[in-house]
C-alpha atoms as a PDB file:
ATOM      1  CA  MET A   1     -13.693  27.998 -12.953  1.00  0.00           C
ATOM      2  CA  ILE A   2     -12.553  26.311  -9.946  1.00  0.00           C
ATOM      3  CA  LEU A   3     -14.628  22.951  -9.045  1.00  0.00           C
ATOM      4  CA  GLY A   4     -15.111  21.247  -5.979  1.00  0.00           C
ATOM      5  CA  MET A   5     -14.035  17.718  -5.838  1.00  0.00           C
ATOM      6  CA  GLY A   6     -17.746  16.553  -6.591  1.00  0.00           C
ATOM      7  CA  GLN A   7     -18.072  18.984  -9.701  1.00  0.00           C
ATOM      8  CA  LYS A   8     -14.341  17.710 -11.123  1.00  0.00           C
ATOM      9  CA  ILE A   9     -15.576  13.510 -10.476  1.00  0.00           C
ATOM     10  CA  GLU A  10     -18.516  14.289 -12.149  1.00  0.00           C
ATOM     11  CA  ASN A  11     -16.956  16.321 -15.064  1.00  0.00           C
ATOM     12  CA  GLN A  12     -13.970  13.840 -15.133  1.00  0.00           C
ATOM     13  CA  ILE A  13     -15.826  10.606 -14.677  1.00  0.00           C
ATOM     14  CA  ALA A  14     -18.760  11.189 -16.894  1.00  0.00           C
ATOM     15  CA  GLY A  15     -16.998  10.708 -20.324  1.00  0.00           C
ATOM     16  CA  LYS A  16     -14.654   7.470 -18.738  1.00  0.00           C
ATOM     17  CA  LYS A  17     -16.234   4.500 -20.317  1.00  0.00           C
ATOM     18  CA  GLY A  18     -17.471   1.564 -18.176  1.00  0.00           C
ATOM     19  CA  THR A  19     -17.873   3.884 -15.115  1.00  0.00           C
ATOM     20  CA  THR A  20     -21.374   4.538 -13.072  1.00  0.00           C
ATOM     21  CA  ASN A  21     -22.304   7.334 -11.621  1.00  0.00           C
ATOM     22  CA  THR A  22     -22.727   5.679  -8.480  1.00  0.00           C
ATOM     23  CA  SER A  23     -21.206   8.307  -5.799  1.00  0.00           C
ATOM     24  CA  PHE A  24     -21.095   8.814  -1.977  1.00  0.00           C
ATOM     25  CA  ASP A  25     -20.390  11.963  -0.222  1.00  0.00           C
ATOM     26  CA  SER A  26     -17.685  12.260   2.971  1.00  0.00           C
ATOM     27  CA  THR A  27     -17.781  15.349   4.478  1.00  0.00           C
ATOM     28  CA  ALA A  28     -16.131  14.058   8.084  1.00  0.00           C
ATOM     29  CA  ASN A  29     -12.332  15.914   8.634  1.00  0.00           C
ATOM     30  CA  SER A  30     -12.485  17.668   5.612  1.00  0.00           C
ATOM     31  CA  LYS A  31     -13.087  21.385   4.231  1.00  0.00           C
ATOM     32  CA  MET A  32     -14.774  20.098   1.122  1.00  0.00           C
ATOM     33  CA  PRO A  33     -16.715  17.028   0.556  1.00  0.00           C
ATOM     34  CA  LEU A  34     -15.187  13.824  -0.654  1.00  0.00           C
ATOM     35  CA  LYS A  35     -17.404  12.359  -3.367  1.00  0.00           C
ATOM     36  CA  TYR A  36     -16.712   8.908  -3.917  1.00  0.00           C
ATOM     37  CA  VAL A  37     -17.510   7.221  -7.486  1.00  0.00           C
ATOM     38  CA  LYS A  38     -18.148   3.590  -8.268  1.00  0.00           C
ATOM     39  CA  ASN A  39     -16.759   1.759 -12.014  1.00  0.00           C
ATOM     40  CA  ASP A  40     -19.302  -1.135 -12.969  1.00  0.00           C
ATOM     41  CA  GLN A  41     -16.521  -3.491 -11.333  1.00  0.00           C
ATOM     42  CA  GLY A  42     -17.591  -1.895  -8.062  1.00  0.00           C
ATOM     43  CA  GLU A  43     -14.159  -0.195  -7.911  1.00  0.00           C
ATOM     44  CA  PHE A  44     -13.689   3.370  -6.568  1.00  0.00           C
ATOM     45  CA  VAL A  45     -12.208   5.590  -8.698  1.00  0.00           C
ATOM     46  CA  CYS A  46     -10.111   8.586  -8.009  1.00  0.00           C
ATOM     47  CA  PRO A  47     -11.332  12.041  -9.886  1.00  0.00           C
ATOM     48  CA  ASP A  48      -7.989  13.401 -10.552  1.00  0.00           C
ATOM     49  CA  CYS A  49      -5.730  10.512 -11.468  1.00  0.00           C
ATOM     50  CA  GLY A  50      -8.217   7.450 -12.253  1.00  0.00           C
ATOM     51  CA  VAL A  51      -6.958   5.357 -10.210  1.00  0.00           C
ATOM     52  CA  THR A  52      -9.024   2.551  -8.917  1.00  0.00           C
ATOM     53  CA  LYS A  53      -9.178   1.312  -5.568  1.00  0.00           C
ATOM     54  CA  LYS A  54     -11.806  -1.464  -4.254  1.00  0.00           C
ATOM     55  CA  ASN A  55     -12.450  -0.099  -0.726  1.00  0.00           C
ATOM     56  CA  GLN A  56     -13.895   3.546   0.062  1.00  0.00           C
ATOM     57  CA  ASN A  57     -11.035   3.935   3.003  1.00  0.00           C
ATOM     58  CA  THR A  58      -8.437   3.208   0.766  1.00  0.00           C
ATOM     59  CA  MET A  59      -9.630   5.865  -1.882  1.00  0.00           C
ATOM     60  CA  HIS A  60     -10.555   8.138   0.585  1.00  0.00           C
ATOM     61  CA  TYR A  61      -6.303   8.420   1.648  1.00  0.00           C
ATOM     62  CA  HIS A  62      -5.184   8.189  -1.783  1.00  0.00           C
ATOM     63  CA  MET A  63      -7.608  11.379  -2.707  1.00  0.00           C
ATOM     64  CA  LYS A  64      -6.709  12.850   0.095  1.00  0.00           C
ATOM     65  CA  LYS A  65      -2.801  12.762  -1.080  1.00  0.00           C
ATOM     66  CA  HIS A  66      -4.600  14.864  -4.212  1.00  0.00           C
ATOM     67  CA  GLU A  67      -5.350  17.596  -1.486  1.00  0.00           C
ATOM     68  CA  GLU A  68      -1.982  17.841  -0.433  1.00  0.00           C
ATOM     69  CA  GLN A  69      -3.108  18.521   2.814  1.00  0.00           C
ATOM     70  CA  LEU A  70      -0.231  16.089   4.940  1.00  0.00           C
ATOM     71  CA  THR A  71      -1.353  17.391   8.248  1.00  0.00           C
ATOM     72  CA  HIS A  72       1.254  15.393  10.133  1.00  0.00           C
ATOM     73  CA  VAL A  73       4.817  16.138   9.705  1.00  0.00           C
ATOM     74  CA  CYS A  74       7.601  15.004  11.192  1.00  0.00           C
ATOM     75  CA  LYS A  75      10.545  17.898  12.955  1.00  0.00           C
ATOM     76  CA  GLU A  76      13.009  16.719  11.633  1.00  0.00           C
ATOM     77  CA  CYS A  77      12.902  16.439   7.770  1.00  0.00           C
ATOM     78  CA  LYS A  78       9.523  18.275   7.392  1.00  0.00           C
ATOM     79  CA  LYS A  79       8.182  14.975   5.098  1.00  0.00           C
ATOM     80  CA  GLY A  80       4.657  15.041   5.449  1.00  0.00           C
ATOM     81  CA  PHE A  81       2.016  12.301   6.260  1.00  0.00           C
ATOM     82  CA  LEU A  82      -1.723  11.638   6.199  1.00  0.00           C
ATOM     83  CA  GLN A  83      -2.012   9.258   8.957  1.00  0.00           C
ATOM     84  CA  LYS A  84      -0.461  10.006  12.537  1.00  0.00           C
ATOM     85  CA  GLN A  85       0.831   6.593  12.971  1.00  0.00           C
ATOM     86  CA  THR A  86       2.676   6.136   9.636  1.00  0.00           C
ATOM     87  CA  LEU A  87       4.401   9.612  10.592  1.00  0.00           C
ATOM     88  CA  ASP A  88       5.034   7.311  13.899  1.00  0.00           C
ATOM     89  CA  LEU A  89       6.513   4.555  11.971  1.00  0.00           C
ATOM     90  CA  HIS A  90       8.793   7.030   9.994  1.00  0.00           C
ATOM     91  CA  ILE A  91      10.271   8.425  12.986  1.00  0.00           C
ATOM     92  CA  ARG A  92      10.809   5.045  14.340  1.00  0.00           C
ATOM     93  CA  SER A  93      12.517   4.170  11.457  1.00  0.00           C
ATOM     94  CA  LYS A  94      14.639   7.134   9.838  1.00  0.00           C
ATOM     95  CA  HIS A  95      14.975   9.239  13.293  1.00  0.00           C
ATOM     96  CA  PRO A  96      15.476   7.033  15.896  1.00  0.00           C
ATOM     97  CA  GLU A  97      17.210   9.559  17.903  1.00  0.00           C
ATOM     98  CA  LEU A  98      14.837  11.618  18.368  1.00  0.00           C
ATOM     99  CA  ILE A  99      12.519   8.823  20.517  1.00  0.00           C
ATOM    100  CA  LYS A 100      12.803   9.851  24.486  1.00  0.00           C
ATOM    101  CA  ASP A 101      12.103   5.889  24.727  1.00  0.00           C
ATOM    102  CA  ASN A 102      14.258   4.058  22.552  1.00  0.00           C
ATOM    103  CA  ALA A 103      12.939   0.795  24.041  1.00  0.00           C
ATOM    104  CA  ASN A 104       9.764   1.468  21.826  1.00  0.00           C
ATOM    105  CA  SER A 105      11.861   2.316  18.610  1.00  0.00           C
ATOM    106  CA  GLU A 106      13.932  -1.308  18.014  1.00  0.00           C
ATOM    107  CA  LYS A 107      12.905  -3.402  15.783  1.00  0.00           C
ATOM    108  CA  LYS A 108      10.818  -6.298  17.048  1.00  0.00           C
ATOM    109  CA  TRP A 109      10.177  -8.455  13.700  1.00  0.00           C
ATOM    110  CA  LYS A 110      13.302 -10.896  13.316  1.00  0.00           C
ATOM    111  CA  CYS A 111      13.884 -12.573  10.314  1.00  0.00           C
ATOM    112  CA  PRO A 112      13.489 -16.334  11.111  1.00  0.00           C
ATOM    113  CA  PHE A 113      16.072 -17.658   8.893  1.00  0.00           C
ATOM    114  CA  ASP A 114      19.607 -18.587  10.205  1.00  0.00           C
ATOM    115  CA  ASP A 115      22.613 -16.382   9.201  1.00  0.00           C
ATOM    116  CA  CYS A 116      20.532 -13.665   8.428  1.00  0.00           C
ATOM    117  CA  GLU A 117      20.697 -10.511  10.343  1.00  0.00           C
ATOM    118  CA  PHE A 118      17.351  -8.734   8.589  1.00  0.00           C
ATOM    119  CA  SER A 119      14.997  -7.084  11.184  1.00  0.00           C
ATOM    120  CA  ALA A 120      11.938  -4.748  10.940  1.00  0.00           C
ATOM    121  CA  LEU A 121      10.223  -2.390  12.513  1.00  0.00           C
ATOM    122  CA  THR A 122       6.934  -4.045  11.431  1.00  0.00           C
ATOM    123  CA  LYS A 123       5.440  -7.339  10.264  1.00  0.00           C
ATOM    124  CA  GLY A 124       4.875  -7.145   6.696  1.00  0.00           C
ATOM    125  CA  ASN A 125       8.282  -5.440   6.304  1.00  0.00           C
ATOM    126  CA  CYS A 126       9.550  -8.574   7.709  1.00  0.00           C
ATOM    127  CA  ILE A 127       7.164 -10.314   5.525  1.00  0.00           C
ATOM    128  CA  ILE A 128       8.075  -9.074   2.872  1.00  0.00           C
ATOM    129  CA  HIS A 129      11.761  -9.062   2.762  1.00  0.00           C
ATOM    130  CA  CYS A 130      11.314 -13.388   4.017  1.00  0.00           C
ATOM    131  CA  LEU A 131       9.900 -13.209   0.374  1.00  0.00           C
ATOM    132  CA  ARG A 132      12.287 -11.649  -1.535  1.00  0.00           C
ATOM    133  CA  VAL A 133      15.080 -12.976   0.087  1.00  0.00           C
ATOM    134  CA  HIS A 134      14.579 -16.387   1.048  1.00  0.00           C
ATOM    135  CA  PHE A 135      12.044 -17.303  -1.647  1.00  0.00           C
ATOM    136  CA  GLN A 136      13.766 -15.588  -4.566  1.00  0.00           C
ATOM    137  CA  ASP A 137      13.053 -18.098  -7.334  1.00  0.00           C
ATOM    138  CA  GLU A 138       9.765 -18.968  -6.245  1.00  0.00           C
ATOM    139  CA  ILE A 139       8.951 -15.375  -6.618  1.00  0.00           C
ATOM    140  CA  ASN A 140      11.071 -14.904  -9.936  1.00  0.00           C
ATOM    141  CA  ASN A 141       8.614 -17.431 -10.982  1.00  0.00           C
ATOM    142  CA  LEU A 142       5.585 -15.900 -10.184  1.00  0.00           C
ATOM    143  CA  MET A 143       6.320 -12.143 -11.088  1.00  0.00           C
ATOM    144  CA  ILE A 144       5.876 -10.233 -14.484  1.00  0.00           C
ATOM    145  CA  LYS A 145       7.221  -7.041 -14.834  1.00  0.00           C
ATOM    146  CA  ASP A 146       6.120  -4.479 -17.524  1.00  0.00           C
ATOM    147  CA  ASN A 147       9.212  -2.139 -18.228  1.00  0.00           C
ATOM    148  CA  GLU A 148       6.801   0.055 -19.870  1.00  0.00           C
ATOM    149  CA  THR A 149       3.982   0.285 -18.045  1.00  0.00           C
ATOM    150  CA  LYS A 150       5.434  -0.285 -14.485  1.00  0.00           C
ATOM    151  CA  MET A 151       3.278  -2.429 -13.968  1.00  0.00           C
ATOM    152  CA  ILE A 152       3.798  -5.724 -12.111  1.00  0.00           C
ATOM    153  CA  TYR A 153       1.127  -8.910 -13.053  1.00  0.00           C
ATOM    154  CA  CYS A 154       0.927 -12.722 -10.938  1.00  0.00           C
ATOM    155  CA  ASN A 155       2.034 -15.338 -13.464  1.00  0.00           C
ATOM    156  CA  GLU A 156       0.016 -17.519 -11.486  1.00  0.00           C
ATOM    157  CA  CYS A 157      -3.551 -15.490 -11.545  1.00  0.00           C
ATOM    158  CA  GLN A 158      -2.674 -13.307 -14.010  1.00  0.00           C
ATOM    159  CA  LYS A 159      -3.833 -10.339 -11.253  1.00  0.00           C
ATOM    160  CA  GLU A 160      -2.124  -6.860 -11.791  1.00  0.00           C
ATOM    161  CA  PHE A 161      -0.139  -4.621  -9.556  1.00  0.00           C
ATOM    162  CA  THR A 162       1.124  -1.050  -9.175  1.00  0.00           C
ATOM    163  CA  SER A 163       3.348  -1.793  -6.552  1.00  0.00           C
ATOM    164  CA  SER A 164       5.554  -4.767  -5.637  1.00  0.00           C
ATOM    165  CA  CYS A 165       4.769  -4.461  -1.755  1.00  0.00           C
ATOM    166  CA  ALA A 166       0.552  -5.443  -2.978  1.00  0.00           C
ATOM    167  CA  PHE A 167       2.079  -8.162  -5.091  1.00  0.00           C
ATOM    168  CA  TYR A 168       4.351  -9.647  -1.972  1.00  0.00           C
ATOM    169  CA  TYR A 169       1.222  -9.742  -0.216  1.00  0.00           C
ATOM    170  CA  HIS A 170      -0.593 -10.994  -2.692  1.00  0.00           C
ATOM    171  CA  CYS A 171       1.609 -13.814  -3.988  1.00  0.00           C
ATOM    172  CA  LYS A 172       1.437 -15.442  -0.417  1.00  0.00           C
ATOM    173  CA  GLY A 173      -1.962 -17.060  -1.550  1.00  0.00           C
ATOM    174  CA  CYS A 174      -0.201 -18.260  -5.438  1.00  0.00           C
ATOM    175  CA  MET A 175       3.004 -19.454  -4.092  1.00  0.00           C
ATOM    176  CA  ASP A 176       3.206 -23.268  -4.289  1.00  0.00           C
ATOM    177  CA  PHE A 177       4.582 -23.532  -0.948  1.00  0.00           C
ATOM    178  CA  ASN A 178       5.724 -27.575  -0.243  1.00  0.00           C
ATOM    179  CA  LYS A 179       4.725 -27.427   3.676  1.00  0.00           C
ATOM    180  CA  ASN A 180       7.181 -30.291   4.352  1.00  0.00           C
ATOM    181  CA  GLU A 181      10.198 -28.157   3.817  1.00  0.00           C
ATOM    182  CA  ASP A 182      12.123 -26.247   6.506  1.00  0.00           C
ATOM    183  CA  LYS A 183      11.856 -23.174   4.536  1.00  0.00           C
ATOM    184  CA  TYR A 184       8.095 -22.946   4.334  1.00  0.00           C
ATOM    185  CA  LYS A 185       8.175 -23.843   8.414  1.00  0.00           C
ATOM    186  CA  LYS A 186      10.580 -20.654   9.182  1.00  0.00           C
ATOM    187  CA  PHE A 187       8.637 -18.696   6.968  1.00  0.00           C
ATOM    188  CA  GLU A 188       5.521 -19.327   8.776  1.00  0.00           C
ATOM    189  CA  GLU A 189       6.875 -18.184  12.140  1.00  0.00           C
ATOM    190  CA  ILE A 190       6.310 -14.749  11.204  1.00  0.00           C
ATOM    191  CA  ALA A 191       3.802 -15.046   8.283  1.00  0.00           C
END
């Protein structure tokens, strides 16, 4: 018997502890309606893998990945993406020779630290670079990696993360910056 997305959720989620049956239907731009279920903590729960997300739109894109309907495909390497903007960023970073107007393909975000030649297509990637490279000691004091589960924990607030990028975005709020230090002032130029 083939289950629809909604049936799958109810069958898989019903038996999970701490999960409510609060659900939301979405039929926009989908051949099969997606049903969103929240757990007792108010987080959306994926019916396929159990991952939780705080926002419905984040869960929507996560669930779309399970459907494997990557409608935006790179003509050069055939890699698929859920969103056109992600495909555009991929082409700009991996295949800049395909862009007719190369003025838009150059890396616009430069690392503000002297003697560092790093540049990135996005502000977020430049910020993560600065934290990884120029604030390495501070990050090492905050980041706890569980090699067995691959989870990352913030030593300051004990919040857990499944990706290092999510941790880096989070850690800006938990880092104890010395705002009079030149290093912090350089970082503030892009942050």
